[in-house]
């Protein structure tokens, strides 16, 4: 059975709407990944500042400084991994 012009038009509109939804979904996902990366980077910077304060305040808080430095490294690694993951998916 042949398609009428109205059938083809309706199918084209449906396909266009699907493409638009998919585009918006991809953009939203990319924004979420970038936001997570930024948040993790900020957490790393905060941990590093805390480590510097702890190291500068007293020698007794050396353990606290080391712990904060470790947290900073962990957060920085997460941030880099998140950003790289988002870029990898774009290819």
C-alpha atoms as a PDB file:
ATOM      1  CA  UNK A   1       0.000   0.000   0.000  1.00  0.00           C
ATOM      2  CA  UNK A   2       1.458   3.346  -1.021  1.00  0.00           C
ATOM      3  CA  UNK A   3       1.997   6.076   1.518  1.00  0.00           C
ATOM      4  CA  UNK A   4       0.053   9.230   1.075  1.00  0.00           C
ATOM      5  CA  UNK A   5       1.674  12.630   1.244  1.00  0.00           C
ATOM      6  CA  UNK A   6       0.113  13.152   4.677  1.00  0.00           C
ATOM      7  CA  UNK A   7       1.635   9.884   5.949  1.00  0.00           C
ATOM      8  CA  UNK A   8       5.092  10.865   4.735  1.00  0.00           C
ATOM      9  CA  UNK A   9       4.744  14.313   6.251  1.00  0.00           C
ATOM     10  CA  UNK A  10       3.686  12.890   9.617  1.00  0.00           C
ATOM     11  CA  UNK A  11       6.601  10.429   9.579  1.00  0.00           C
ATOM     12  CA  UNK A  12       9.046  13.227   8.771  1.00  0.00           C
ATOM     13  CA  UNK A  13       7.726  15.372  11.637  1.00  0.00           C
ATOM     14  CA  UNK A  14       8.010  12.449  14.039  1.00  0.00           C
ATOM     15  CA  UNK A  15      11.595  11.763  12.934  1.00  0.00           C
ATOM     16  CA  UNK A  16      12.524  15.431  13.323  1.00  0.00           C
ATOM     17  CA  UNK A  17      11.065  15.505  16.835  1.00  0.00           C
ATOM     18  CA  UNK A  18      13.038  12.384  17.761  1.00  0.00           C
ATOM     19  CA  UNK A  19      16.276  13.901  16.444  1.00  0.00           C
ATOM     20  CA  UNK A  20      15.625  17.069  18.453  1.00  0.00           C
ATOM     21  CA  UNK A  21      14.981  15.072  21.655  1.00  0.00           C
ATOM     22  CA  UNK A  22      18.171  13.066  21.138  1.00  0.00           C
ATOM     23  CA  UNK A  23      20.206  16.240  20.571  1.00  0.00           C
ATOM     24  CA  UNK A  24      18.891  17.841  23.763  1.00  0.00           C
ATOM     25  CA  UNK A  25      19.573  14.653  25.722  1.00  0.00           C
ATOM     26  CA  UNK A  26      23.202  14.509  24.516  1.00  0.00           C
ATOM     27  CA  UNK A  27      23.782  18.170  25.365  1.00  0.00           C
ATOM     28  CA  UNK A  28      22.304  17.718  28.840  1.00  0.00           C
ATOM     29  CA  UNK A  29      24.498  14.714  29.493  1.00  0.00           C
ATOM     30  CA  UNK A  30      27.612  16.602  28.399  1.00  0.00           C
ATOM     31  CA  UNK A  31      26.709  19.522  30.678  1.00  0.00           C
ATOM     32  CA  UNK A  32      26.284  17.138  33.588  1.00  0.00           C
ATOM     33  CA  UNK A  33      29.701  15.585  33.017  1.00  0.00           C
ATOM     34  CA  UNK A  34      31.343  19.003  32.803  1.00  0.00           C
ATOM     35  CA  UNK A  35      29.586  20.121  35.975  1.00  0.00           C
ATOM     36  CA  UNK A  36      30.777  17.022  37.833  1.00  0.00           C
ATOM     37  CA  UNK A  37      34.315  17.604  36.646  1.00  0.00           C
ATOM     38  CA  UNK A  38      34.210  21.232  37.772  1.00  0.00           C
ATOM     39  CA  UNK A  39      32.755  20.288  41.156  1.00  0.00           C
ATOM     40  CA  UNK A  40      35.450  17.652  41.678  1.00  0.00           C
ATOM     41  CA  UNK A  41      38.163  20.104  40.639  1.00  0.00           C
ATOM     42  CA  UNK A  42      36.867  22.636  43.139  1.00  0.00           C
ATOM     43  CA  UNK A  43      36.862  19.978  45.857  1.00  0.00           C
ATOM     44  CA  UNK A  44      40.479  19.173  45.008  1.00  0.00           C
ATOM     45  CA  UNK A  45      41.442  22.838  45.275  1.00  0.00           C
ATOM     46  CA  UNK A  46      39.645  23.130  48.624  1.00  0.00           C
ATOM     47  CA  UNK A  47      41.429  20.061  49.969  1.00  0.00           C
ATOM     48  CA  UNK A  48      44.769  21.447  48.836  1.00  0.00           C
ATOM     49  CA  UNK A  49      44.106  24.755  50.599  1.00  0.00           C
ATOM     50  CA  UNK A  50      43.154  22.855  53.748  1.00  0.00           C
ATOM     51  CA  UNK A  51      46.382  20.876  53.528  1.00  0.00           C
ATOM     52  CA  UNK A  52      48.397  24.081  53.219  1.00  0.00           C
ATOM     53  CA  UNK A  53      46.662  25.605  56.243  1.00  0.00           C
ATOM     54  CA  UNK A  54      47.186  22.473  58.315  1.00  0.00           C
ATOM     55  CA  UNK A  55      50.859  22.272  57.371  1.00  0.00           C
ATOM     56  CA  UNK A  56      51.422  25.931  58.141  1.00  0.00           C
ATOM     57  CA  UNK A  57      49.619  26.063  61.479  1.00  0.00           C
ATOM     58  CA  UNK A  58      51.663  23.587  63.503  1.00  0.00           C
ATOM     59  CA  UNK A  59      53.984  20.642  63.140  1.00  0.00           C
ATOM     60  CA  UNK A  60      51.552  18.516  65.164  1.00  0.00           C
ATOM     61  CA  UNK A  61      48.990  18.706  62.388  1.00  0.00           C
ATOM     62  CA  UNK A  62      51.324  17.141  59.838  1.00  0.00           C
ATOM     63  CA  UNK A  63      49.100  14.067  59.722  1.00  0.00           C
ATOM     64  CA  UNK A  64      46.092  16.245  58.938  1.00  0.00           C
ATOM     65  CA  UNK A  65      48.050  17.989  56.189  1.00  0.00           C
ATOM     66  CA  UNK A  66      49.016  14.674  54.613  1.00  0.00           C
ATOM     67  CA  UNK A  67      45.424  13.475  54.774  1.00  0.00           C
ATOM     68  CA  UNK A  68      44.159  16.647  53.084  1.00  0.00           C
ATOM     69  CA  UNK A  69      46.830  16.412  50.413  1.00  0.00           C
ATOM     70  CA  UNK A  70      45.744  12.843  49.711  1.00  0.00           C
ATOM     71  CA  UNK A  71      42.124  13.965  49.417  1.00  0.00           C
ATOM     72  CA  UNK A  72      43.189  16.724  47.023  1.00  0.00           C
ATOM     73  CA  UNK A  73      44.993  14.210  44.829  1.00  0.00           C
ATOM     74  CA  UNK A  74      41.977  11.899  44.848  1.00  0.00           C
ATOM     75  CA  UNK A  75      39.574  14.675  43.863  1.00  0.00           C
ATOM     76  CA  UNK A  76      41.919  15.958  41.179  1.00  0.00           C
ATOM     77  CA  UNK A  77      42.122  12.465  39.688  1.00  0.00           C
ATOM     78  CA  UNK A  78      38.334  12.179  39.623  1.00  0.00           C
ATOM     79  CA  UNK A  79      38.049  15.567  37.962  1.00  0.00           C
ATOM     80  CA  UNK A  80      40.527  14.677  35.237  1.00  0.00           C
ATOM     81  CA  UNK A  81      38.889  11.299  34.657  1.00  0.00           C
ATOM     82  CA  UNK A  82      35.428  12.848  34.392  1.00  0.00           C
ATOM     83  CA  UNK A  83      36.568  15.501  31.944  1.00  0.00           C
ATOM     84  CA  UNK A  84      38.461  12.945  29.850  1.00  0.00           C
ATOM     85  CA  UNK A  85      35.462  10.626  29.834  1.00  0.00           C
ATOM     86  CA  UNK A  86      33.233  13.395  28.524  1.00  0.00           C
ATOM     87  CA  UNK A  87      35.677  14.242  25.773  1.00  0.00           C
ATOM     88  CA  UNK A  88      36.165  10.613  24.817  1.00  0.00           C
ATOM     89  CA  UNK A  89      32.408  10.112  24.355  1.00  0.00           C
ATOM     90  CA  UNK A  90      32.213  13.085  21.980  1.00  0.00           C
ATOM     91  CA  UNK A  91      34.332  11.376  19.309  1.00  0.00           C
END
